[in-house]
Amino acid sequence: MKQTATAAAIPGATEEYTLDWQWRSNHDALFGDIEGRSRWISVEDTRREGGQGVWIQGDSEWKLINAVGKRPNGAWEATHLWGFEVVGGDRRHTRRVKVVSKEGQELRARMVYDFEGDN
């Protein structure tokens, strides 16, 4: 899977995800050197591991994309879950992110994606 994102003064970044749960190293224009891995995970396994969200069936047989990214120096680690949820009565693609710093500070966010074209 590949995603390209751009925003105002932040340099654009392309993220590539190979869903085999193997660690890979990358250099990101904003975050510097990072390591990451990604996989398909069932909604049931996500709930067992403490994942949040009221996920609905998408096109992936009740599976979500689970990605983990971290700085090699341990400054932070981010866990992502991508899937489909009902938002405002509409079926929407979302990404839930939890970032934990080495000091234990935690930040959680949910990104809700708009669709372009037919959905």
PDB file of N, CA and C in Angstrom:
ATOM      1  N   MET A   1       0.838  -1.149   0.000  1.00  0.00           N
ATOM      2  CA  MET A   1       0.000   0.000   0.000  1.00  0.00           C
ATOM      3  C   MET A   1       0.895   1.227   0.000  1.00  0.00           C
ATOM      4  N   LYS A   2       0.459   2.273  -0.676  1.00  0.00           N
ATOM      5  CA  LYS A   2       1.259   3.490  -0.794  1.00  0.00           C
ATOM      6  C   LYS A   2       0.357   4.690  -0.549  1.00  0.00           C
ATOM      7  N   GLN A   3       0.843   5.656   0.238  1.00  0.00           N
ATOM      8  CA  GLN A   3       0.092   6.874   0.499  1.00  0.00           C
ATOM      9  C   GLN A   3       1.032   8.057   0.365  1.00  0.00           C
ATOM     10  N   THR A   4       0.571   9.104  -0.298  1.00  0.00           N
ATOM     11  CA  THR A   4       1.334  10.339  -0.416  1.00  0.00           C
ATOM     12  C   THR A   4       0.540  11.451   0.252  1.00  0.00           C
ATOM     13  N   ALA A   5       1.197  12.223   1.125  1.00  0.00           N
ATOM     14  CA  ALA A   5       0.530  13.300   1.848  1.00  0.00           C
ATOM     15  C   ALA A   5       1.344  14.579   1.733  1.00  0.00           C
ATOM     16  N   THR A   6       0.642  15.705   1.598  1.00  0.00           N
ATOM     17  CA  THR A   6       1.282  17.010   1.574  1.00  0.00           C
ATOM     18  C   THR A   6       0.452  17.976   2.408  1.00  0.00           C
ATOM     19  N   ALA A   7       1.099  18.993   2.956  1.00  0.00           N
ATOM     20  CA  ALA A   7       0.404  20.017   3.725  1.00  0.00           C
ATOM     21  C   ALA A   7       1.233  21.287   3.715  1.00  0.00           C
ATOM     22  N   ALA A   8       0.601  22.398   3.497  1.00  0.00           N
ATOM     23  CA  ALA A   8       1.177  23.751   3.516  1.00  0.00           C
ATOM     24  C   ALA A   8       2.705  23.785   3.452  1.00  0.00           C
ATOM     25  N   ALA A   9       3.357  24.104   4.567  1.00  0.00           N
ATOM     26  CA  ALA A   9       4.812  24.272   4.583  1.00  0.00           C
ATOM     27  C   ALA A   9       5.568  22.984   4.899  1.00  0.00           C
ATOM     28  N   ILE A  10       4.854  21.893   5.108  1.00  0.00           N
ATOM     29  CA  ILE A  10       5.507  20.618   5.437  1.00  0.00           C
ATOM     30  C   ILE A  10       5.838  19.899   4.137  1.00  0.00           C
ATOM     31  N   PRO A  11       7.063  19.396   3.996  1.00  0.00           N
ATOM     32  CA  PRO A  11       7.406  18.687   2.770  1.00  0.00           C
ATOM     33  C   PRO A  11       6.527  17.452   2.573  1.00  0.00           C
ATOM     34  N   GLY A  12       6.186  17.161   1.329  1.00  0.00           N
ATOM     35  CA  GLY A  12       5.381  15.980   1.023  1.00  0.00           C
ATOM     36  C   GLY A  12       6.131  14.706   1.376  1.00  0.00           C
ATOM     37  N   ALA A  13       5.387  13.684   1.744  1.00  0.00           N
ATOM     38  CA  ALA A  13       5.982  12.402   2.114  1.00  0.00           C
ATOM     39  C   ALA A  13       5.176  11.278   1.485  1.00  0.00           C
ATOM     40  N   THR A  14       5.866  10.274   1.005  1.00  0.00           N
ATOM     41  CA  THR A  14       5.220   9.073   0.500  1.00  0.00           C
ATOM     42  C   THR A  14       5.527   7.939   1.451  1.00  0.00           C
ATOM     43  N   GLU A  15       4.473   7.299   1.940  1.00  0.00           N
ATOM     44  CA  GLU A  15       4.626   6.180   2.857  1.00  0.00           C
ATOM     45  C   GLU A  15       4.289   4.906   2.104  1.00  0.00           C
ATOM     46  N   GLU A  16       5.156   3.917   2.198  1.00  0.00           N
ATOM     47  CA  GLU A  16       4.893   2.624   1.576  1.00  0.00           C
ATOM     48  C   GLU A  16       4.783   1.574   2.670  1.00  0.00           C
ATOM     49  N   TYR A  17       3.757   0.756   2.572  1.00  0.00           N
ATOM     50  CA  TYR A  17       3.492  -0.263   3.578  1.00  0.00           C
ATOM     51  C   TYR A  17       3.506  -1.639   2.921  1.00  0.00           C
ATOM     52  N   THR A  18       4.411  -2.507   3.369  1.00  0.00           N
ATOM     53  CA  THR A  18       4.439  -3.904   2.958  1.00  0.00           C
ATOM     54  C   THR A  18       3.864  -4.683   4.126  1.00  0.00           C
ATOM     55  N   LEU A  19       2.753  -5.347   3.902  1.00  0.00           N
ATOM     56  CA  LEU A  19       1.972  -5.921   5.006  1.00  0.00           C
ATOM     57  C   LEU A  19       2.460  -7.313   5.403  1.00  0.00           C
ATOM     58  N   ASP A  20       3.733  -7.395   5.832  1.00  0.00           N
ATOM     59  CA  ASP A  20       4.323  -8.688   6.218  1.00  0.00           C
ATOM     60  C   ASP A  20       4.909  -8.693   7.636  1.00  0.00           C
ATOM     61  N   TRP A  21       4.735  -7.603   8.396  1.00  0.00           N
ATOM     62  CA  TRP A  21       5.159  -7.472   9.787  1.00  0.00           C
ATOM     63  C   TRP A  21       6.670  -7.569   9.967  1.00  0.00           C
ATOM     64  N   GLN A  22       7.430  -7.200   8.938  1.00  0.00           N
ATOM     65  CA  GLN A  22       8.893  -7.159   9.010  1.00  0.00           C
ATOM     66  C   GLN A  22       9.340  -5.707   9.205  1.00  0.00           C
ATOM     67  N   TRP A  23      10.324  -5.484  10.089  1.00  0.00           N
ATOM     68  CA  TRP A  23      10.844  -4.132  10.321  1.00  0.00           C
ATOM     69  C   TRP A  23      11.617  -3.653   9.100  1.00  0.00           C
ATOM     70  N   ARG A  24      11.414  -2.393   8.734  1.00  0.00           N
ATOM     71  CA  ARG A  24      12.133  -1.748   7.641  1.00  0.00           C
ATOM     72  C   ARG A  24      12.577  -0.360   8.100  1.00  0.00           C
ATOM     73  N   SER A  25      13.707   0.086   7.580  1.00  0.00           N
ATOM     74  CA  SER A  25      14.224   1.422   7.897  1.00  0.00           C
ATOM     75  C   SER A  25      13.924   2.358   6.747  1.00  0.00           C
ATOM     76  N   ASN A  26      13.727   3.633   7.082  1.00  0.00           N
ATOM     77  CA  ASN A  26      13.407   4.645   6.078  1.00  0.00           C
ATOM     78  C   ASN A  26      13.880   5.995   6.600  1.00  0.00           C
ATOM     79  N   HIS A  27      14.110   6.928   5.689  1.00  0.00           N
ATOM     80  CA  HIS A  27      14.404   8.301   6.079  1.00  0.00           C
ATOM     81  C   HIS A  27      13.242   9.170   5.624  1.00  0.00           C
ATOM     82  N   ASP A  28      12.586   9.825   6.576  1.00  0.00           N
ATOM     83  CA  ASP A  28      11.439  10.683   6.315  1.00  0.00           C
ATOM     84  C   ASP A  28      11.888  12.143   6.379  1.00  0.00           C
ATOM     85  N   ALA A  29      11.400  12.973   5.449  1.00  0.00           N
ATOM     86  CA  ALA A  29      11.803  14.376   5.396  1.00  0.00           C
ATOM     87  C   ALA A  29      11.434  15.137   6.670  1.00  0.00           C
ATOM     88  N   LEU A  30      10.353  14.765   7.323  1.00  0.00           N
ATOM     89  CA  LEU A  30       9.908  15.461   8.526  1.00  0.00           C
ATOM     90  C   LEU A  30      10.455  14.826   9.808  1.00  0.00           C
ATOM     91  N   PHE A  31      10.425  13.495   9.903  1.00  0.00           N
ATOM     92  CA  PHE A  31      10.777  12.801  11.137  1.00  0.00           C
ATOM     93  C   PHE A  31      12.205  12.260  11.173  1.00  0.00           C
ATOM     94  N   GLY A  32      12.908  12.280  10.051  1.00  0.00           N
ATOM     95  CA  GLY A  32      14.270  11.752  10.015  1.00  0.00           C
ATOM     96  C   GLY A  32      14.260  10.237   9.867  1.00  0.00           C
ATOM     97  N   ASP A  33      15.243   9.579  10.479  1.00  0.00           N
ATOM     98  CA  ASP A  33      15.335   8.122  10.381  1.00  0.00           C
ATOM     99  C   ASP A  33      14.236   7.472  11.216  1.00  0.00           C
ATOM    100  N   ILE A  34      13.518   6.555  10.605  1.00  0.00           N
ATOM    101  CA  ILE A  34      12.456   5.831  11.293  1.00  0.00           C
ATOM    102  C   ILE A  34      12.510   4.357  10.908  1.00  0.00           C
ATOM    103  N   GLU A  35      11.908   3.535  11.752  1.00  0.00           N
ATOM    104  CA  GLU A  35      11.750   2.111  11.472  1.00  0.00           C
ATOM    105  C   GLU A  35      10.258   1.817  11.550  1.00  0.00           C
ATOM    106  N   GLY A  36       9.798   0.907  10.708  1.00  0.00           N
ATOM    107  CA  GLY A  36       8.380   0.594  10.740  1.00  0.00           C
ATOM    108  C   GLY A  36       8.082  -0.795  10.246  1.00  0.00           C
ATOM    109  N   ARG A  37       6.886  -1.259  10.584  1.00  0.00           N
ATOM    110  CA  ARG A  37       6.393  -2.536  10.085  1.00  0.00           C
ATOM    111  C   ARG A  37       4.874  -2.446  10.019  1.00  0.00           C
ATOM    112  N   SER A  38       4.259  -3.299   9.200  1.00  0.00           N
ATOM    113  CA  SER A  38       2.815  -3.260   9.033  1.00  0.00           C
ATOM    114  C   SER A  38       2.283  -4.638   8.664  1.00  0.00           C
ATOM    115  N   ARG A  39       0.982  -4.815   8.911  1.00  0.00           N
ATOM    116  CA  ARG A  39       0.346  -6.111   8.665  1.00  0.00           C
ATOM    117  C   ARG A  39      -1.162  -5.926   8.599  1.00  0.00           C
ATOM    118  N   TRP A  40      -1.851  -6.977   8.129  1.00  0.00           N
ATOM    119  CA  TRP A  40      -3.284  -7.105   8.304  1.00  0.00           C
ATOM    120  C   TRP A  40      -3.500  -7.669   9.695  1.00  0.00           C
ATOM    121  N   ILE A  41      -4.531  -7.206  10.408  1.00  0.00           N
ATOM    122  CA  ILE A  41      -4.880  -7.746  11.719  1.00  0.00           C
ATOM    123  C   ILE A  41      -6.400  -7.816  11.800  1.00  0.00           C
ATOM    124  N   SER A  42      -6.911  -8.866  12.400  1.00  0.00           N
ATOM    125  CA  SER A  42      -8.360  -9.000  12.520  1.00  0.00           C
ATOM    126  C   SER A  42      -8.893  -8.010  13.554  1.00  0.00           C
ATOM    127  N   VAL A  43     -10.142  -7.630  13.395  1.00  0.00           N
ATOM    128  CA  VAL A  43     -10.778  -6.747  14.368  1.00  0.00           C
ATOM    129  C   VAL A  43     -10.761  -7.413  15.748  1.00  0.00           C
ATOM    130  N   GLU A  44     -10.997  -8.715  15.791  1.00  0.00           N
ATOM    131  CA  GLU A  44     -10.981  -9.450  17.055  1.00  0.00           C
ATOM    132  C   GLU A  44      -9.611  -9.351  17.736  1.00  0.00           C
ATOM    133  N   ASP A  45      -8.528  -9.566  16.998  1.00  0.00           N
ATOM    134  CA  ASP A  45      -7.180  -9.458  17.577  1.00  0.00           C
ATOM    135  C   ASP A  45      -6.887  -8.038  18.029  1.00  0.00           C
ATOM    136  N   THR A  46      -7.377  -7.067  17.280  1.00  0.00           N
ATOM    137  CA  THR A  46      -7.184  -5.663  17.653  1.00  0.00           C
ATOM    138  C   THR A  46      -7.831  -5.386  19.002  1.00  0.00           C
ATOM    139  N   ARG A  47      -9.044  -5.889  19.189  1.00  0.00           N
ATOM    140  CA  ARG A  47      -9.742  -5.681  20.467  1.00  0.00           C
ATOM    141  C   ARG A  47      -8.996  -6.369  21.605  1.00  0.00           C
ATOM    142  N   ARG A  48      -8.466  -7.564  21.358  1.00  0.00           N
ATOM    143  CA  ARG A  48      -7.705  -8.275  22.393  1.00  0.00           C
ATOM    144  C   ARG A  48      -6.455  -7.500  22.797  1.00  0.00           C
ATOM    145  N   GLU A  49      -5.851  -6.797  21.833  1.00  0.00           N
ATOM    146  CA  GLU A  49      -4.625  -6.038  22.099  1.00  0.00           C
ATOM    147  C   GLU A  49      -4.917  -4.628  22.612  1.00  0.00           C
ATOM    148  N   GLY A  50      -6.198  -4.306  22.851  1.00  0.00           N
ATOM    149  CA  GLY A  50      -6.554  -3.013  23.421  1.00  0.00           C
ATOM    150  C   GLY A  50      -6.790  -1.911  22.414  1.00  0.00           C
ATOM    151  N   GLY A  51      -6.949  -2.244  21.135  1.00  0.00           N
ATOM    152  CA  GLY A  51      -7.204  -1.233  20.111  1.00  0.00           C
ATOM    153  C   GLY A  51      -8.562  -0.589  20.280  1.00  0.00           C
ATOM    154  N   GLN A  52      -8.661   0.688  19.930  1.00  0.00           N
ATOM    155  CA  GLN A  52      -9.912   1.422  20.045  1.00  0.00           C
ATOM    156  C   GLN A  52     -10.623   1.473  18.703  1.00  0.00           C
ATOM    157  N   GLY A  53     -11.880   1.844  18.754  1.00  0.00           N
ATOM    158  CA  GLY A  53     -12.641   2.052  17.525  1.00  0.00           C
ATOM    159  C   GLY A  53     -13.805   1.077  17.418  1.00  0.00           C
ATOM    160  N   VAL A  54     -14.863   1.535  16.776  1.00  0.00           N
ATOM    161  CA  VAL A  54     -16.008   0.692  16.467  1.00  0.00           C
ATOM    162  C   VAL A  54     -15.913   0.427  14.977  1.00  0.00           C
ATOM    163  N   TRP A  55     -15.180  -0.599  14.636  1.00  0.00           N
ATOM    164  CA  TRP A  55     -14.863  -0.892  13.247  1.00  0.00           C
ATOM    165  C   TRP A  55     -16.029  -1.623  12.581  1.00  0.00           C
ATOM    166  N   ILE A  56     -16.229  -1.345  11.304  1.00  0.00           N
ATOM    167  CA  ILE A  56     -17.249  -2.032  10.525  1.00  0.00           C
ATOM    168  C   ILE A  56     -16.574  -2.762   9.386  1.00  0.00           C
ATOM    169  N   GLN A  57     -17.301  -3.680   8.786  1.00  0.00           N
ATOM    170  CA  GLN A  57     -16.705  -4.470   7.710  1.00  0.00           C
ATOM    171  C   GLN A  57     -16.436  -3.596   6.495  1.00  0.00           C
ATOM    172  N   GLY A  58     -15.210  -3.691   5.997  1.00  0.00           N
ATOM    173  CA  GLY A  58     -14.827  -2.993   4.774  1.00  0.00           C
ATOM    174  C   GLY A  58     -14.683  -4.013   3.668  1.00  0.00           C
ATOM    175  N   ASP A  59     -13.696  -3.840   2.856  1.00  0.00           N
ATOM    176  CA  ASP A  59     -13.436  -4.765   1.755  1.00  0.00           C
ATOM    177  C   ASP A  59     -12.350  -5.763   2.120  1.00  0.00           C
ATOM    178  N   SER A  60     -12.056  -5.916   3.395  1.00  0.00           N
ATOM    179  CA  SER A  60     -10.897  -6.708   3.810  1.00  0.00           C
ATOM    180  C   SER A  60     -11.257  -7.835   4.777  1.00  0.00           C
ATOM    181  N   GLU A  61     -12.471  -8.358   4.692  1.00  0.00           N
ATOM    182  CA  GLU A  61     -12.867  -9.509   5.507  1.00  0.00           C
ATOM    183  C   GLU A  61     -12.661  -9.274   7.003  1.00  0.00           C
ATOM    184  N   TRP A  62     -13.110  -8.134   7.515  1.00  0.00           N
ATOM    185  CA  TRP A  62     -13.012  -7.771   8.919  1.00  0.00           C
ATOM    186  C   TRP A  62     -11.577  -7.658   9.390  1.00  0.00           C
ATOM    187  N   LYS A  63     -10.705  -7.186   8.515  1.00  0.00           N
ATOM    188  CA  LYS A  63      -9.316  -6.960   8.913  1.00  0.00           C
ATOM    189  C   LYS A  63      -8.995  -5.482   8.780  1.00  0.00           C
ATOM    190  N   LEU A  64      -8.050  -5.057   9.586  1.00  0.00           N
ATOM    191  CA  LEU A  64      -7.564  -3.683   9.582  1.00  0.00           C
ATOM    192  C   LEU A  64      -6.093  -3.704   9.202  1.00  0.00           C
ATOM    193  N   ILE A  65      -5.586  -2.564   8.807  1.00  0.00           N
ATOM    194  CA  ILE A  65      -4.141  -2.425   8.646  1.00  0.00           C
ATOM    195  C   ILE A  65      -3.592  -1.912   9.966  1.00  0.00           C
ATOM    196  N   ASN A  66      -2.588  -2.611  10.469  1.00  0.00           N
ATOM    197  CA  ASN A  66      -1.908  -2.252  11.709  1.00  0.00           C
ATOM    198  C   ASN A  66      -0.473  -1.896  11.334  1.00  0.00           C
ATOM    199  N   ALA A  67      -0.062  -0.675  11.640  1.00  0.00           N
ATOM    200  CA  ALA A  67       1.304  -0.242  11.340  1.00  0.00           C
ATOM    201  C   ALA A  67       1.926   0.332  12.605  1.00  0.00           C
ATOM    202  N   VAL A  68       3.221   0.089  12.766  1.00  0.00           N
ATOM    203  CA  VAL A  68       3.976   0.637  13.888  1.00  0.00           C
ATOM    204  C   VAL A  68       5.197   1.343  13.308  1.00  0.00           C
ATOM    205  N   GLY A  69       5.429   2.562  13.754  1.00  0.00           N
ATOM    206  CA  GLY A  69       6.610   3.318  13.357  1.00  0.00           C
ATOM    207  C   GLY A  69       7.300   3.841  14.595  1.00  0.00           C
ATOM    208  N   LYS A  70       8.628   3.917  14.541  1.00  0.00           N
ATOM    209  CA  LYS A  70       9.360   4.409  15.707  1.00  0.00           C
ATOM    210  C   LYS A  70      10.684   5.022  15.288  1.00  0.00           C
ATOM    211  N   ARG A  71      11.177   5.889  16.160  1.00  0.00           N
ATOM    212  CA  ARG A  71      12.513   6.430  15.983  1.00  0.00           C
ATOM    213  C   ARG A  71      13.497   5.398  16.525  1.00  0.00           C
ATOM    214  N   PRO A  72      14.596   5.137  15.801  1.00  0.00           N
ATOM    215  CA  PRO A  72      15.579   4.162  16.277  1.00  0.00           C
ATOM    216  C   PRO A  72      16.157   4.499  17.655  1.00  0.00           C
ATOM    217  N   ASN A  73      16.182   5.785  18.017  1.00  0.00           N
ATOM    218  CA  ASN A  73      16.732   6.183  19.322  1.00  0.00           C
ATOM    219  C   ASN A  73      15.720   6.059  20.453  1.00  0.00           C
ATOM    220  N   GLY A  74      14.510   5.583  20.157  1.00  0.00           N
ATOM    221  CA  GLY A  74      13.499   5.371  21.187  1.00  0.00           C
ATOM    222  C   GLY A  74      12.741   6.610  21.612  1.00  0.00           C
ATOM    223  N   ALA A  75      12.888   7.727  20.889  1.00  0.00           N
ATOM    224  CA  ALA A  75      12.219   8.973  21.271  1.00  0.00           C
ATOM    225  C   ALA A  75      10.696   8.831  21.270  1.00  0.00           C
ATOM    226  N   TRP A  76      10.147   8.047  20.345  1.00  0.00           N
ATOM    227  CA  TRP A  76       8.699   7.839  20.271  1.00  0.00           C
ATOM    228  C   TRP A  76       8.378   6.586  19.467  1.00  0.00           C
ATOM    229  N   GLU A  77       7.155   6.093  19.662  1.00  0.00           N
ATOM    230  CA  GLU A  77       6.634   4.989  18.873  1.00  0.00           C
ATOM    231  C   GLU A  77       5.171   5.294  18.565  1.00  0.00           C
ATOM    232  N   ALA A  78       4.778   5.094  17.317  1.00  0.00           N
ATOM    233  CA  ALA A  78       3.409   5.364  16.884  1.00  0.00           C
ATOM    234  C   ALA A  78       2.775   4.073  16.375  1.00  0.00           C
ATOM    235  N   THR A  79       1.577   3.784  16.864  1.00  0.00           N
ATOM    236  CA  THR A  79       0.816   2.626  16.418  1.00  0.00           C
ATOM    237  C   THR A  79      -0.402   3.124  15.653  1.00  0.00           C
ATOM    238  N   HIS A  80      -0.612   2.587  14.453  1.00  0.00           N
ATOM    239  CA  HIS A  80      -1.720   3.006  13.595  1.00  0.00           C
ATOM    240  C   HIS A  80      -2.664   1.837  13.362  1.00  0.00           C
ATOM    241  N   LEU A  81      -3.959   2.118  13.312  1.00  0.00           N
ATOM    242  CA  LEU A  81      -4.972   1.169  12.853  1.00  0.00           C
ATOM    243  C   LEU A  81      -5.785   1.863  11.771  1.00  0.00           C
ATOM    244  N   TRP A  82      -5.888   1.225  10.606  1.00  0.00           N
ATOM    245  CA  TRP A  82      -6.667   1.771   9.494  1.00  0.00           C
ATOM    246  C   TRP A  82      -7.813   0.836   9.198  1.00  0.00           C
ATOM    247  N   GLY A  83      -8.978   1.400   8.993  1.00  0.00           N
ATOM    248  CA  GLY A  83     -10.133   0.593   8.635  1.00  0.00           C
ATOM    249  C   GLY A  83     -11.330   1.473   8.357  1.00  0.00           C
ATOM    250  N   PHE A  84     -12.521   0.893   8.494  1.00  0.00           N
ATOM    251  CA  PHE A  84     -13.759   1.615   8.236  1.00  0.00           C
ATOM    252  C   PHE A  84     -14.564   1.730   9.512  1.00  0.00           C
ATOM    253  N   GLU A  85     -15.122   2.932   9.737  1.00  0.00           N
ATOM    254  CA  GLU A  85     -15.990   3.213  10.875  1.00  0.00           C
ATOM    255  C   GLU A  85     -17.179   4.015  10.372  1.00  0.00           C
ATOM    256  N   VAL A  86     -18.241   4.059  11.168  1.00  0.00           N
ATOM    257  CA  VAL A  86     -19.363   4.939  10.865  1.00  0.00           C
ATOM    258  C   VAL A  86     -19.085   6.262  11.560  1.00  0.00           C
ATOM    259  N   VAL A  87     -19.024   7.341  10.777  1.00  0.00           N
ATOM    260  CA  VAL A  87     -18.753   8.681  11.287  1.00  0.00           C
ATOM    261  C   VAL A  87     -19.869   9.586  10.787  1.00  0.00           C
ATOM    262  N   GLY A  88     -20.627  10.157  11.709  1.00  0.00           N
ATOM    263  CA  GLY A  88     -21.734  11.029  11.314  1.00  0.00           C
ATOM    264  C   GLY A  88     -22.757  10.319  10.443  1.00  0.00           C
ATOM    265  N   GLY A  89     -22.942   9.023  10.677  1.00  0.00           N
ATOM    266  CA  GLY A  89     -23.916   8.253   9.915  1.00  0.00           C
ATOM    267  C   GLY A  89     -23.408   7.726   8.581  1.00  0.00           C
ATOM    268  N   ASP A  90     -22.166   8.059   8.219  1.00  0.00           N
ATOM    269  CA  ASP A  90     -21.590   7.629   6.943  1.00  0.00           C
ATOM    270  C   ASP A  90     -20.446   6.646   7.180  1.00  0.00           C
ATOM    271  N   ARG A  91     -20.301   5.698   6.258  1.00  0.00           N
ATOM    272  CA  ARG A  91     -19.176   4.759   6.285  1.00  0.00           C
ATOM    273  C   ARG A  91     -17.939   5.511   5.799  1.00  0.00           C
ATOM    274  N   ARG A  92     -16.913   5.597   6.664  1.00  0.00           N
ATOM    275  CA  ARG A  92     -15.726   6.383   6.326  1.00  0.00           C
ATOM    276  C   ARG A  92     -14.460   5.579   6.622  1.00  0.00           C
ATOM    277  N   HIS A  93     -13.441   5.816   5.814  1.00  0.00           N
ATOM    278  CA  HIS A  93     -12.131   5.240   6.060  1.00  0.00           C
ATOM    279  C   HIS A  93     -11.451   6.096   7.114  1.00  0.00           C
ATOM    280  N   THR A  94     -10.921   5.459   8.163  1.00  0.00           N
ATOM    281  CA  THR A  94     -10.282   6.200   9.246  1.00  0.00           C
ATOM    282  C   THR A  94      -8.924   5.601   9.577  1.00  0.00           C
ATOM    283  N   ARG A  95      -8.125   6.419  10.235  1.00  0.00           N
ATOM    284  CA  ARG A  95      -6.850   5.948  10.781  1.00  0.00           C
ATOM    285  C   ARG A  95      -6.788   6.422  12.225  1.00  0.00           C
ATOM    286  N   ARG A  96      -6.627   5.485  13.139  1.00  0.00           N
ATOM    287  CA  ARG A  96      -6.443   5.820  14.549  1.00  0.00           C
ATOM    288  C   ARG A  96      -4.959   5.683  14.862  1.00  0.00           C
ATOM    289  N   VAL A  97      -4.415   6.692  15.530  1.00  0.00           N
ATOM    290  CA  VAL A  97      -2.985   6.718  15.825  1.00  0.00           C
ATOM    291  C   VAL A  97      -2.788   6.944  17.318  1.00  0.00           C
ATOM    292  N   LYS A  98      -1.869   6.171  17.888  1.00  0.00           N
ATOM    293  CA  LYS A  98      -1.451   6.381  19.279  1.00  0.00           C
ATOM    294  C   LYS A  98       0.058   6.555  19.258  1.00  0.00           C
ATOM    295  N   VAL A  99       0.535   7.684  19.767  1.00  0.00           N
ATOM    296  CA  VAL A  99       1.965   7.965  19.846  1.00  0.00           C
ATOM    297  C   VAL A  99       2.352   8.014  21.319  1.00  0.00           C
ATOM    298  N   VAL A 100       3.434   7.307  21.653  1.00  0.00           N
ATOM    299  CA  VAL A 100       3.940   7.297  23.026  1.00  0.00           C
ATOM    300  C   VAL A 100       5.402   7.728  22.994  1.00  0.00           C
ATOM    301  N   SER A 101       5.743   8.739  23.804  1.00  0.00           N
ATOM    302  CA  SER A 101       7.132   9.213  23.881  1.00  0.00           C
ATOM    303  C   SER A 101       7.913   8.333  24.835  1.00  0.00           C
ATOM    304  N   LYS A 102       9.245   8.471  24.813  1.00  0.00           N
ATOM    305  CA  LYS A 102      10.069   7.673  25.722  1.00  0.00           C
ATOM    306  C   LYS A 102       9.806   8.050  27.181  1.00  0.00           C
ATOM    307  N   GLU A 103       9.244   9.242  27.412  1.00  0.00           N
ATOM    308  CA  GLU A 103       8.888   9.655  28.776  1.00  0.00           C
ATOM    309  C   GLU A 103       7.526   9.112  29.194  1.00  0.00           C
ATOM    310  N   GLY A 104       6.827   8.440  28.278  1.00  0.00           N
ATOM    311  CA  GLY A 104       5.525   7.868  28.603  1.00  0.00           C
ATOM    312  C   GLY A 104       4.343   8.759  28.268  1.00  0.00           C
ATOM    313  N   GLN A 105       4.605   9.939  27.689  1.00  0.00           N
ATOM    314  CA  GLN A 105       3.496  10.804  27.283  1.00  0.00           C
ATOM    315  C   GLN A 105       2.777  10.160  26.108  1.00  0.00           C
ATOM    316  N   GLU A 106       1.441  10.243  26.117  1.00  0.00           N
ATOM    317  CA  GLU A 106       0.646   9.580  25.089  1.00  0.00           C
ATOM    318  C   GLU A 106      -0.266  10.581  24.388  1.00  0.00           C
ATOM    319  N   LEU A 107      -0.361  10.434  23.070  1.00  0.00           N
ATOM    320  CA  LEU A 107      -1.257  11.247  22.254  1.00  0.00           C
ATOM    321  C   LEU A 107      -2.047  10.302  21.361  1.00  0.00           C
ATOM    322  N   ARG A 108      -3.356  10.488  21.305  1.00  0.00           N
ATOM    323  CA  ARG A 108      -4.213   9.680  20.437  1.00  0.00           C
ATOM    324  C   ARG A 108      -4.948  10.609  19.486  1.00  0.00           C
ATOM    325  N   ALA A 109      -5.094  10.146  18.244  1.00  0.00           N
ATOM    326  CA  ALA A 109      -5.806  10.937  17.239  1.00  0.00           C
ATOM    327  C   ALA A 109      -6.558  10.000  16.308  1.00  0.00           C
ATOM    328  N   ARG A 110      -7.612  10.517  15.700  1.00  0.00           N
ATOM    329  CA  ARG A 110      -8.331   9.777  14.665  1.00  0.00           C
ATOM    330  C   ARG A 110      -8.427  10.677  13.446  1.00  0.00           C
ATOM    331  N   MET A 111      -7.955  10.174  12.317  1.00  0.00           N
ATOM    332  CA  MET A 111      -8.073  10.884  11.054  1.00  0.00           C
ATOM    333  C   MET A 111      -9.225  10.257  10.273  1.00  0.00           C
ATOM    334  N   VAL A 112     -10.096  11.096   9.743  1.00  0.00           N
ATOM    335  CA  VAL A 112     -11.231  10.629   8.960  1.00  0.00           C
ATOM    336  C   VAL A 112     -11.014  11.106   7.538  1.00  0.00           C
ATOM    337  N   TYR A 113     -10.988  10.166   6.604  1.00  0.00           N
ATOM    338  CA  TYR A 113     -10.668  10.470   5.210  1.00  0.00           C
ATOM    339  C   TYR A 113     -11.929  10.770   4.416  1.00  0.00           C
ATOM    340  N   ASP A 114     -11.821  11.756   3.532  1.00  0.00           N
ATOM    341  CA  ASP A 114     -12.873  12.041   2.547  1.00  0.00           C
ATOM    342  C   ASP A 114     -12.600  11.209   1.306  1.00  0.00           C
ATOM    343  N   PHE A 115     -13.660  10.808   0.640  1.00  0.00           N
ATOM    344  CA  PHE A 115     -13.536  10.077  -0.608  1.00  0.00           C
ATOM    345  C   PHE A 115     -13.658  11.047  -1.770  1.00  0.00           C
ATOM    346  N   GLU A 116     -12.906  10.784  -2.819  1.00  0.00           N
ATOM    347  CA  GLU A 116     -13.059  11.522  -4.074  1.00  0.00           C
ATOM    348  C   GLU A 116     -13.594  10.562  -5.100  1.00  0.00           C
ATOM    349  N   GLY A 117     -14.561  11.003  -5.900  1.00  0.00           N
ATOM    350  CA  GLY A 117     -15.106  10.132  -6.939  1.00  0.00           C
ATOM    351  C   GLY A 117     -16.149   9.183  -6.381  1.00  0.00           C
ATOM    352  N   ASP A 118     -16.301   8.044  -7.041  1.00  0.00           N
ATOM    353  CA  ASP A 118     -17.291   7.049  -6.620  1.00  0.00           C
ATOM    354  C   ASP A 118     -16.827   6.377  -5.333  1.00  0.00           C
ATOM    355  N   ASN A 119     -17.795   6.115  -4.422  1.00  0.00           N
ATOM    356  CA  ASN A 119     -17.425   5.407  -3.192  1.00  0.00           C
ATOM    357  C   ASN A 119     -18.386   4.322  -2.890  1.00  0.00           C
TER     358      ASN A 119
END
